[in-house]
Amino acid sequence: MAAPSVPTRREAIGILQEGRAGIHELLDRLPRTAMTTPGLGGGTWSPKDLIGHLASWEEHALDALASWARDQRAPIDDLWFSLSTTKINDQAVRRKASWSLAKVQHESERTHQDLLEAIRTMSDARWGSPATSRGRKPLGARLGAILVGTGPFGHDAAHLQSLWAFVDQHGAH
């Protein structure tokens, strides 16, 4: 099976923006009290937790970009080597659990915009080059793998179905 092609920077930005727009559209249908109600995806997360979770992976992507700019291994690579993705997710949700909804939303939006700007201002040559001097995969492919979901950069989109079901149950009718 052939590896999926690497989206261009413009395509990656589009995927990220479209996924986030879908998340926002659904979140806007929830009453404020439902934003901290657990049960998303049949589990213990609330929509607030989901917002923090999505931001955490974009933080991992930004940290990776900063590390790769110094020709160093991305911190997420070390986490993946020592922890399961579930444990990484659980740690991130716990870290932000005491934050207010407003803080989670603000930090999520700031992180999302920082990521879009980092991709927007990157050269096509850098996007298509290995992330580090020791790497083989293009930076765009590595970044897309950090934000994978329904495909490269499709992390937000991967959560739309469970959020849709939550909104159907808890949203304003």
Foldseek 3Di string as FASTA:
>chain_A
DDDDDQDFLVVLLVLLVVLVVLLVVLVVQFDPVQQQQAQQVHGGHGVLLVLQLLLVLLVQLVQLLVQLVVLHHRPVVVCVVPHPPVVVSVVSSVVCVPPDSVVSNVSSVVSSVVSSVVSVPDDRVQQQDASHPPGDGGSSVVSQVSCDAVGRSNNSVNRSVSSNVSCVVRGDD
